[in-house]
Amino acid sequence: MGRPKTRTKGKSYIETLRFLSKAGLKGTKSTDSKVTDLDKIENLNDRIEKVVGVYRHFENKQGRMIYFIMYDIENNKIRNHIAKYLLRKGCIRVQKSVFLAESERQKYDELNSTLKEVQEMYDNNDSIFFIPVSVDEIRAMKIIGRNVDFSMVIDTPNTLFY
């Protein structure tokens, strides 16, 4: 019949990872290259639409910011946990290991602190980047892809009526 699953409901993300660490996650290196559901991402046009949504709805209020979170993580379990965590926190997946977020400075600091603690839990050579960007930099972004003209989507057309 098997052992009942231990429920992690009510535990914070970091508490869950501490539990996993105690269960043998520490020091594990993953060579597993199988594709998981989290490795599959939305089509490019849907991702672009979400990026444009962040740009268009960004309120340039004091304390709010737009930023990218990028990571290079070898272990599939940890990579998947981090991806799920970022999605739950409202980040938009732009590439497999690149997320875009718009939030208050406090949430930026919370995400940074949590992922730093996760990274320190196990022996690794992984890296996680938090890169703040301005609305002007988002506007100047270029995307290369099939049948995509990102500049047409993000730029407001200059039309002269007379």
N, C-alpha and C. Protein backbone atom coordinates (compact mmCIF):
# COMPACT_ATOMS: atom_id res chain seq x y z
N MET A 1 0.81 -1.18 0.00
CA MET A 1 0.00 0.00 0.00
C MET A 1 0.86 1.25 0.00
N GLY A 2 1.98 1.21 0.66
CA GLY A 2 2.90 2.34 0.62
C GLY A 2 2.71 3.31 1.76
N ARG A 3 3.63 4.18 1.85
CA ARG A 3 3.67 5.18 2.89
C ARG A 3 2.87 6.41 2.46
N PRO A 4 2.11 7.04 3.35
CA PRO A 4 1.37 8.24 2.96
C PRO A 4 2.34 9.38 2.67
N LYS A 5 1.95 10.22 1.71
CA LYS A 5 2.80 11.35 1.35
C LYS A 5 2.80 12.39 2.47
N THR A 6 3.95 12.99 2.69
CA THR A 6 4.06 14.06 3.66
C THR A 6 3.54 15.33 3.00
N ARG A 7 2.61 15.97 3.63
CA ARG A 7 2.04 17.18 3.06
C ARG A 7 2.91 18.38 3.43
N THR A 8 3.09 19.26 2.47
CA THR A 8 3.88 20.46 2.72
C THR A 8 2.99 21.70 2.71
N LYS A 9 1.67 21.50 2.69
CA LYS A 9 0.75 22.63 2.66
C LYS A 9 0.96 23.48 3.91
N GLY A 10 1.02 24.77 3.71
CA GLY A 10 1.22 25.67 4.82
C GLY A 10 2.68 25.99 5.08
N LYS A 11 3.57 25.20 4.52
CA LYS A 11 5.00 25.48 4.67
C LYS A 11 5.42 26.51 3.63
N SER A 12 6.38 27.33 4.00
CA SER A 12 6.91 28.29 3.04
C SER A 12 7.78 27.56 2.03
N TYR A 13 8.09 28.24 0.96
CA TYR A 13 8.93 27.67 -0.08
C TYR A 13 10.27 27.23 0.49
N ILE A 14 10.87 28.08 1.29
CA ILE A 14 12.19 27.77 1.84
C ILE A 14 12.11 26.61 2.83
N GLU A 15 11.02 26.51 3.60
CA GLU A 15 10.85 25.37 4.52
C GLU A 15 10.73 24.06 3.75
N THR A 16 10.02 24.10 2.64
CA THR A 16 9.89 22.91 1.80
C THR A 16 11.25 22.48 1.26
N LEU A 17 12.05 23.43 0.81
CA LEU A 17 13.37 23.09 0.29
C LEU A 17 14.30 22.59 1.39
N ARG A 18 14.17 23.14 2.59
CA ARG A 18 14.97 22.61 3.70
C ARG A 18 14.61 21.15 3.96
N PHE A 19 13.31 20.85 3.89
CA PHE A 19 12.85 19.47 4.06
C PHE A 19 13.46 18.57 2.99
N LEU A 20 13.44 19.04 1.73
CA LEU A 20 14.03 18.26 0.64
C LEU A 20 15.53 18.09 0.83
N SER A 21 16.18 19.13 1.33
CA SER A 21 17.62 19.07 1.56
C SER A 21 17.94 17.98 2.59
N LYS A 22 17.16 17.94 3.65
CA LYS A 22 17.37 16.91 4.68
C LYS A 22 17.08 15.52 4.14
N ALA A 23 16.23 15.44 3.12
CA ALA A 23 15.85 14.15 2.55
C ALA A 23 16.85 13.65 1.52
N GLY A 24 17.95 14.36 1.34
CA GLY A 24 18.98 13.85 0.45
C GLY A 24 19.27 14.69 -0.77
N LEU A 25 18.76 15.89 -0.84
CA LEU A 25 19.02 16.77 -1.97
C LEU A 25 20.44 17.31 -1.94
N LYS A 26 20.97 17.49 -0.75
CA LYS A 26 22.28 18.10 -0.57
C LYS A 26 23.37 17.34 -1.32
N GLY A 27 24.15 18.09 -2.10
CA GLY A 27 25.29 17.50 -2.78
C GLY A 27 24.96 16.69 -4.00
N THR A 28 23.71 16.64 -4.40
CA THR A 28 23.35 15.84 -5.57
C THR A 28 23.65 16.60 -6.84
N LYS A 29 24.17 15.90 -7.78
CA LYS A 29 24.40 16.45 -9.12
C LYS A 29 23.47 15.73 -10.06
N SER A 30 22.79 16.48 -10.89
CA SER A 30 21.84 15.86 -11.81
C SER A 30 22.44 15.77 -13.20
N THR A 31 22.39 14.58 -13.75
CA THR A 31 22.79 14.40 -15.14
C THR A 31 21.57 14.01 -15.96
N ASP A 32 20.41 14.08 -15.32
CA ASP A 32 19.15 13.73 -15.96
C ASP A 32 18.79 14.80 -16.98
N SER A 33 18.64 14.41 -18.22
CA SER A 33 18.33 15.39 -19.26
C SER A 33 16.93 15.22 -19.82
N LYS A 34 16.07 14.47 -19.12
CA LYS A 34 14.72 14.29 -19.64
C LYS A 34 13.95 15.61 -19.58
N VAL A 35 13.05 15.78 -20.51
CA VAL A 35 12.26 17.01 -20.60
C VAL A 35 11.07 16.89 -19.66
N THR A 36 10.87 17.90 -18.83
CA THR A 36 9.73 17.93 -17.93
C THR A 36 8.72 18.94 -18.44
N ASP A 37 7.54 18.95 -17.83
CA ASP A 37 6.52 19.92 -18.21
C ASP A 37 7.01 21.35 -18.04
N LEU A 38 7.86 21.57 -17.03
CA LEU A 38 8.37 22.91 -16.82
C LEU A 38 9.38 23.32 -17.88
N ASP A 39 9.95 22.36 -18.60
CA ASP A 39 10.88 22.69 -19.67
C ASP A 39 10.14 23.19 -20.91
N LYS A 40 8.87 22.85 -21.01
CA LYS A 40 8.06 23.29 -22.14
C LYS A 40 7.53 24.68 -21.82
N ILE A 41 7.68 25.60 -22.76
CA ILE A 41 7.20 26.95 -22.51
C ILE A 41 6.21 27.36 -23.59
N GLU A 42 5.48 28.43 -23.32
CA GLU A 42 4.47 28.92 -24.26
C GLU A 42 5.14 29.31 -25.57
N ASN A 43 4.32 29.44 -26.62
CA ASN A 43 4.90 29.85 -27.90
C ASN A 43 5.39 31.29 -27.80
N LEU A 44 6.26 31.66 -28.71
CA LEU A 44 6.94 32.95 -28.66
C LEU A 44 5.96 34.12 -28.67
N ASN A 45 4.94 34.07 -29.50
CA ASN A 45 3.99 35.18 -29.56
C ASN A 45 3.27 35.40 -28.24
N ASP A 46 2.91 34.33 -27.54
CA ASP A 46 2.26 34.46 -26.23
C ASP A 46 3.22 35.07 -25.22
N ARG A 47 4.47 34.66 -25.26
CA ARG A 47 5.46 35.23 -24.34
C ARG A 47 5.69 36.70 -24.62
N ILE A 48 5.74 37.06 -25.91
CA ILE A 48 5.91 38.47 -26.28
C ILE A 48 4.72 39.29 -25.79
N GLU A 49 3.53 38.76 -25.94
CA GLU A 49 2.33 39.46 -25.49
C GLU A 49 2.40 39.74 -23.99
N LYS A 50 2.90 38.81 -23.22
CA LYS A 50 3.03 39.01 -21.78
C LYS A 50 4.07 40.08 -21.45
N VAL A 51 5.19 40.07 -22.18
CA VAL A 51 6.22 41.09 -21.98
C VAL A 51 5.65 42.47 -22.30
N VAL A 52 4.92 42.57 -23.40
CA VAL A 52 4.30 43.83 -23.79
C VAL A 52 3.29 44.26 -22.72
N GLY A 53 2.57 43.29 -22.15
CA GLY A 53 1.62 43.61 -21.08
C GLY A 53 2.30 44.23 -19.88
N VAL A 54 3.48 43.72 -19.52
CA VAL A 54 4.23 44.31 -18.41
C VAL A 54 4.61 45.75 -18.76
N TYR A 55 5.08 45.95 -19.96
CA TYR A 55 5.49 47.28 -20.41
C TYR A 55 4.31 48.25 -20.40
N ARG A 56 3.18 47.82 -20.94
CA ARG A 56 2.02 48.71 -21.07
C ARG A 56 1.35 49.00 -19.74
N HIS A 57 1.37 48.06 -18.82
CA HIS A 57 0.67 48.24 -17.55
C HIS A 57 1.57 48.69 -16.41
N PHE A 58 2.84 48.87 -16.70
CA PHE A 58 3.77 49.27 -15.65
C PHE A 58 3.42 50.67 -15.16
N GLU A 59 3.22 50.76 -13.88
CA GLU A 59 2.97 52.06 -13.27
C GLU A 59 4.30 52.55 -12.73
N ASN A 60 4.74 53.66 -13.25
CA ASN A 60 6.05 54.18 -12.86
C ASN A 60 5.96 54.85 -11.49
N LYS A 61 5.55 54.06 -10.50
CA LYS A 61 5.43 54.56 -9.14
C LYS A 61 6.74 54.31 -8.41
N GLN A 62 6.98 55.16 -7.45
CA GLN A 62 8.18 55.00 -6.64
C GLN A 62 8.17 53.64 -5.95
N GLY A 63 9.28 52.94 -6.01
CA GLY A 63 9.39 51.65 -5.35
C GLY A 63 9.03 50.46 -6.22
N ARG A 64 8.44 50.69 -7.40
CA ARG A 64 8.10 49.59 -8.31
C ARG A 64 9.21 49.47 -9.34
N MET A 65 9.43 48.26 -9.78
CA MET A 65 10.52 48.04 -10.73
C MET A 65 10.21 46.87 -11.65
N ILE A 66 10.88 46.87 -12.80
CA ILE A 66 10.84 45.76 -13.74
C ILE A 66 12.22 45.12 -13.70
N TYR A 67 12.26 43.79 -13.71
CA TYR A 67 13.56 43.12 -13.64
C TYR A 67 13.48 41.73 -14.26
N PHE A 68 14.64 41.27 -14.71
CA PHE A 68 14.79 39.92 -15.22
C PHE A 68 15.44 39.07 -14.13
N ILE A 69 15.03 37.81 -14.06
CA ILE A 69 15.70 36.82 -13.21
C ILE A 69 16.16 35.73 -14.16
N MET A 70 17.46 35.48 -14.17
CA MET A 70 18.05 34.48 -15.07
C MET A 70 18.88 33.52 -14.24
N TYR A 71 18.83 32.26 -14.61
CA TYR A 71 19.62 31.30 -13.85
C TYR A 71 20.25 30.25 -14.74
N ASP A 72 21.32 29.69 -14.22
CA ASP A 72 22.01 28.55 -14.82
C ASP A 72 22.15 27.53 -13.70
N ILE A 73 21.25 26.56 -13.68
CA ILE A 73 21.17 25.59 -12.58
C ILE A 73 21.24 24.18 -13.16
N GLU A 74 22.22 23.40 -12.71
CA GLU A 74 22.44 22.05 -13.23
C GLU A 74 21.39 21.04 -12.78
N ASN A 75 21.01 21.08 -11.52
CA ASN A 75 20.13 20.06 -10.94
C ASN A 75 18.68 20.29 -11.38
N ASN A 76 18.11 19.28 -12.06
CA ASN A 76 16.74 19.40 -12.57
C ASN A 76 15.71 19.66 -11.47
N LYS A 77 15.83 18.95 -10.34
CA LYS A 77 14.86 19.13 -9.25
C LYS A 77 14.87 20.56 -8.74
N ILE A 78 16.05 21.08 -8.51
CA ILE A 78 16.17 22.44 -8.00
C ILE A 78 15.70 23.44 -9.05
N ARG A 79 16.11 23.23 -10.29
CA ARG A 79 15.70 24.12 -11.38
C ARG A 79 14.17 24.15 -11.50
N ASN A 80 13.53 22.98 -11.43
CA ASN A 80 12.08 22.92 -11.52
C ASN A 80 11.40 23.58 -10.32
N HIS A 81 11.95 23.38 -9.13
CA HIS A 81 11.39 24.03 -7.94
C HIS A 81 11.47 25.55 -8.07
N ILE A 82 12.60 26.03 -8.53
CA ILE A 82 12.76 27.48 -8.68
C ILE A 82 11.82 28.02 -9.75
N ALA A 83 11.69 27.32 -10.86
CA ALA A 83 10.77 27.77 -11.92
C ALA A 83 9.34 27.84 -11.39
N LYS A 84 8.90 26.80 -10.66
CA LYS A 84 7.55 26.80 -10.09
C LYS A 84 7.38 27.96 -9.11
N TYR A 85 8.39 28.18 -8.29
CA TYR A 85 8.35 29.25 -7.30
C TYR A 85 8.19 30.61 -7.99
N LEU A 86 8.99 30.85 -9.03
CA LEU A 86 8.92 32.13 -9.73
C LEU A 86 7.56 32.32 -10.41
N LEU A 87 7.03 31.27 -10.99
CA LEU A 87 5.71 31.36 -11.62
C LEU A 87 4.63 31.65 -10.58
N ARG A 88 4.72 30.99 -9.41
CA ARG A 88 3.75 31.26 -8.33
C ARG A 88 3.83 32.69 -7.85
N LYS A 89 5.02 33.26 -7.90
CA LYS A 89 5.22 34.63 -7.44
C LYS A 89 4.84 35.67 -8.51
N GLY A 90 4.33 35.20 -9.64
CA GLY A 90 3.84 36.12 -10.66
C GLY A 90 4.85 36.51 -11.72
N CYS A 91 5.99 35.85 -11.75
CA CYS A 91 6.99 36.14 -12.78
C CYS A 91 6.54 35.54 -14.11
N ILE A 92 6.95 36.16 -15.19
CA ILE A 92 6.59 35.70 -16.53
C ILE A 92 7.80 34.99 -17.13
N ARG A 93 7.57 33.78 -17.61
CA ARG A 93 8.67 33.02 -18.21
C ARG A 93 8.88 33.53 -19.64
N VAL A 94 10.08 34.05 -19.89
CA VAL A 94 10.42 34.60 -21.19
C VAL A 94 11.20 33.57 -22.01
N GLN A 95 12.11 32.88 -21.37
CA GLN A 95 12.89 31.79 -21.94
C GLN A 95 12.91 30.69 -20.89
N LYS A 96 13.53 29.55 -21.21
CA LYS A 96 13.53 28.44 -20.26
C LYS A 96 14.12 28.83 -18.91
N SER A 97 15.15 29.63 -18.91
CA SER A 97 15.78 30.01 -17.64
C SER A 97 15.79 31.53 -17.43
N VAL A 98 14.84 32.22 -18.05
CA VAL A 98 14.75 33.68 -17.94
C VAL A 98 13.31 34.06 -17.61
N PHE A 99 13.15 34.85 -16.55
CA PHE A 99 11.84 35.32 -16.13
C PHE A 99 11.84 36.84 -16.07
N LEU A 100 10.68 37.43 -16.34
CA LEU A 100 10.49 38.87 -16.24
C LEU A 100 9.48 39.13 -15.14
N ALA A 101 9.75 40.13 -14.30
CA ALA A 101 8.82 40.44 -13.22
C ALA A 101 8.69 41.95 -13.08
N GLU A 102 7.55 42.35 -12.56
CA GLU A 102 7.28 43.75 -12.25
C GLU A 102 6.66 43.75 -10.87
N SER A 103 7.30 44.43 -9.93
CA SER A 103 6.81 44.39 -8.55
C SER A 103 7.39 45.55 -7.76
N GLU A 104 7.00 45.58 -6.50
CA GLU A 104 7.59 46.54 -5.57
C GLU A 104 8.98 46.05 -5.18
N ARG A 105 9.79 46.97 -4.71
CA ARG A 105 11.16 46.65 -4.32
C ARG A 105 11.20 45.55 -3.25
N GLN A 106 10.23 45.56 -2.36
CA GLN A 106 10.18 44.56 -1.28
C GLN A 106 10.07 43.14 -1.84
N LYS A 107 9.25 42.94 -2.87
CA LYS A 107 9.11 41.61 -3.47
C LYS A 107 10.40 41.21 -4.18
N TYR A 108 11.04 42.17 -4.86
CA TYR A 108 12.33 41.93 -5.51
C TYR A 108 13.33 41.41 -4.48
N ASP A 109 13.41 42.11 -3.34
CA ASP A 109 14.34 41.71 -2.28
C ASP A 109 13.99 40.34 -1.70
N GLU A 110 12.68 40.07 -1.56
CA GLU A 110 12.23 38.77 -1.03
C GLU A 110 12.63 37.64 -1.98
N LEU A 111 12.39 37.81 -3.28
CA LEU A 111 12.77 36.79 -4.26
C LEU A 111 14.28 36.56 -4.23
N ASN A 112 15.03 37.65 -4.20
CA ASN A 112 16.49 37.56 -4.18
C ASN A 112 16.97 36.82 -2.93
N SER A 113 16.43 37.17 -1.79
CA SER A 113 16.83 36.54 -0.53
C SER A 113 16.49 35.05 -0.51
N THR A 114 15.29 34.71 -0.97
CA THR A 114 14.86 33.31 -0.98
C THR A 114 15.74 32.47 -1.89
N LEU A 115 15.99 32.97 -3.11
CA LEU A 115 16.79 32.19 -4.06
C LEU A 115 18.25 32.12 -3.63
N LYS A 116 18.73 33.14 -2.94
CA LYS A 116 20.09 33.09 -2.40
C LYS A 116 20.19 31.99 -1.34
N GLU A 117 19.18 31.90 -0.50
CA GLU A 117 19.17 30.86 0.54
C GLU A 117 19.08 29.47 -0.08
N VAL A 118 18.27 29.33 -1.12
CA VAL A 118 18.16 28.04 -1.82
C VAL A 118 19.52 27.66 -2.39
N GLN A 119 20.18 28.60 -3.04
CA GLN A 119 21.47 28.35 -3.68
C GLN A 119 22.53 27.94 -2.67
N GLU A 120 22.43 28.45 -1.45
CA GLU A 120 23.41 28.13 -0.41
C GLU A 120 23.14 26.78 0.27
N MET A 121 22.00 26.15 -0.04
CA MET A 121 21.62 24.89 0.62
C MET A 121 22.38 23.68 0.12
N TYR A 122 22.98 23.77 -1.05
CA TYR A 122 23.62 22.58 -1.62
C TYR A 122 24.90 22.98 -2.34
N ASP A 123 25.78 22.01 -2.53
CA ASP A 123 27.05 22.23 -3.19
C ASP A 123 26.80 22.37 -4.69
N ASN A 124 27.19 23.51 -5.26
CA ASN A 124 26.89 23.74 -6.67
C ASN A 124 27.80 24.81 -7.26
N ASN A 125 27.74 24.92 -8.56
CA ASN A 125 28.41 25.99 -9.30
C ASN A 125 27.37 26.81 -10.06
N ASP A 126 26.14 26.82 -9.56
CA ASP A 126 25.03 27.49 -10.22
C ASP A 126 25.13 29.00 -10.05
N SER A 127 24.37 29.71 -10.89
CA SER A 127 24.31 31.17 -10.75
C SER A 127 22.88 31.64 -11.02
N ILE A 128 22.51 32.71 -10.33
CA ILE A 128 21.20 33.33 -10.50
C ILE A 128 21.44 34.83 -10.59
N PHE A 129 20.93 35.45 -11.66
CA PHE A 129 21.09 36.88 -11.87
C PHE A 129 19.75 37.59 -11.68
N PHE A 130 19.76 38.71 -10.99
CA PHE A 130 18.62 39.62 -10.88
C PHE A 130 19.05 40.91 -11.57
N ILE A 131 18.37 41.25 -12.66
CA ILE A 131 18.79 42.41 -13.45
C ILE A 131 17.63 43.39 -13.60
N PRO A 132 17.67 44.50 -12.85
CA PRO A 132 16.64 45.53 -13.02
C PRO A 132 16.78 46.21 -14.38
N VAL A 133 15.65 46.56 -14.98
CA VAL A 133 15.64 47.26 -16.27
C VAL A 133 14.62 48.39 -16.21
N SER A 134 14.86 49.41 -17.01
CA SER A 134 13.92 50.53 -17.07
C SER A 134 12.90 50.29 -18.17
N VAL A 135 11.83 51.07 -18.15
CA VAL A 135 10.81 50.98 -19.20
C VAL A 135 11.44 51.30 -20.55
N ASP A 136 12.36 52.26 -20.58
CA ASP A 136 13.04 52.61 -21.83
C ASP A 136 13.84 51.42 -22.37
N GLU A 137 14.47 50.67 -21.49
CA GLU A 137 15.23 49.50 -21.94
C GLU A 137 14.31 48.40 -22.45
N ILE A 138 13.15 48.23 -21.81
CA ILE A 138 12.17 47.26 -22.31
C ILE A 138 11.69 47.70 -23.70
N ARG A 139 11.44 49.00 -23.85
CA ARG A 139 10.98 49.53 -25.13
C ARG A 139 12.03 49.31 -26.23
N ALA A 140 13.30 49.36 -25.88
CA ALA A 140 14.38 49.18 -26.86
C ALA A 140 14.73 47.71 -27.11
N MET A 141 14.06 46.81 -26.41
CA MET A 141 14.35 45.38 -26.53
C MET A 141 14.08 44.90 -27.96
N LYS A 142 14.90 44.01 -28.43
CA LYS A 142 14.74 43.38 -29.75
C LYS A 142 14.57 41.89 -29.55
N ILE A 143 13.69 41.31 -30.31
CA ILE A 143 13.46 39.86 -30.23
C ILE A 143 13.64 39.28 -31.62
N ILE A 144 14.41 38.21 -31.68
CA ILE A 144 14.62 37.51 -32.94
C ILE A 144 13.85 36.20 -32.87
N GLY A 145 13.01 35.98 -33.84
CA GLY A 145 12.23 34.76 -33.88
C GLY A 145 11.46 34.69 -35.19
N ARG A 146 10.91 33.56 -35.45
CA ARG A 146 10.17 33.35 -36.68
C ARG A 146 8.87 34.16 -36.67
N ASN A 147 8.64 34.92 -37.74
CA ASN A 147 7.41 35.70 -37.92
C ASN A 147 7.13 36.67 -36.77
N VAL A 148 8.17 37.30 -36.26
CA VAL A 148 8.00 38.22 -35.15
C VAL A 148 8.65 39.55 -35.50
N ASP A 149 7.89 40.62 -35.34
CA ASP A 149 8.46 41.96 -35.44
C ASP A 149 8.10 42.67 -34.15
N PHE A 150 8.95 42.49 -33.15
CA PHE A 150 8.68 43.01 -31.82
C PHE A 150 8.57 44.53 -31.82
N SER A 151 9.34 45.21 -32.65
CA SER A 151 9.30 46.67 -32.67
C SER A 151 7.92 47.17 -33.11
N MET A 152 7.24 46.41 -33.96
CA MET A 152 5.89 46.79 -34.39
C MET A 152 4.90 46.67 -33.22
N VAL A 153 5.14 45.75 -32.33
CA VAL A 153 4.24 45.52 -31.21
C VAL A 153 4.42 46.57 -30.13
N ILE A 154 5.65 46.91 -29.82
CA ILE A 154 5.93 47.76 -28.67
C ILE A 154 5.94 49.24 -29.00
N ASP A 155 6.33 49.62 -30.20
CA ASP A 155 6.39 51.03 -30.57
C ASP A 155 5.01 51.57 -30.88
N THR A 156 4.77 52.79 -30.46
CA THR A 156 3.52 53.42 -30.85
C THR A 156 3.74 54.07 -32.19
N PRO A 157 2.86 53.82 -33.15
CA PRO A 157 3.07 54.36 -34.49
C PRO A 157 2.98 55.88 -34.50
N ASN A 158 3.81 56.49 -35.30
CA ASN A 158 3.77 57.93 -35.47
C ASN A 158 2.88 58.24 -36.66
N THR A 159 1.72 58.79 -36.38
CA THR A 159 0.77 59.12 -37.44
C THR A 159 0.50 60.60 -37.39
N LEU A 160 0.54 61.21 -38.53
CA LEU A 160 0.31 62.65 -38.62
C LEU A 160 -1.00 62.88 -39.35
N PHE A 161 -1.93 63.57 -38.70
CA PHE A 161 -3.21 63.91 -39.32
C PHE A 161 -3.21 65.40 -39.63
N TYR A 162 -3.65 65.77 -40.85
CA TYR A 162 -3.80 67.19 -41.15
C TYR A 162 -4.88 67.43 -42.13
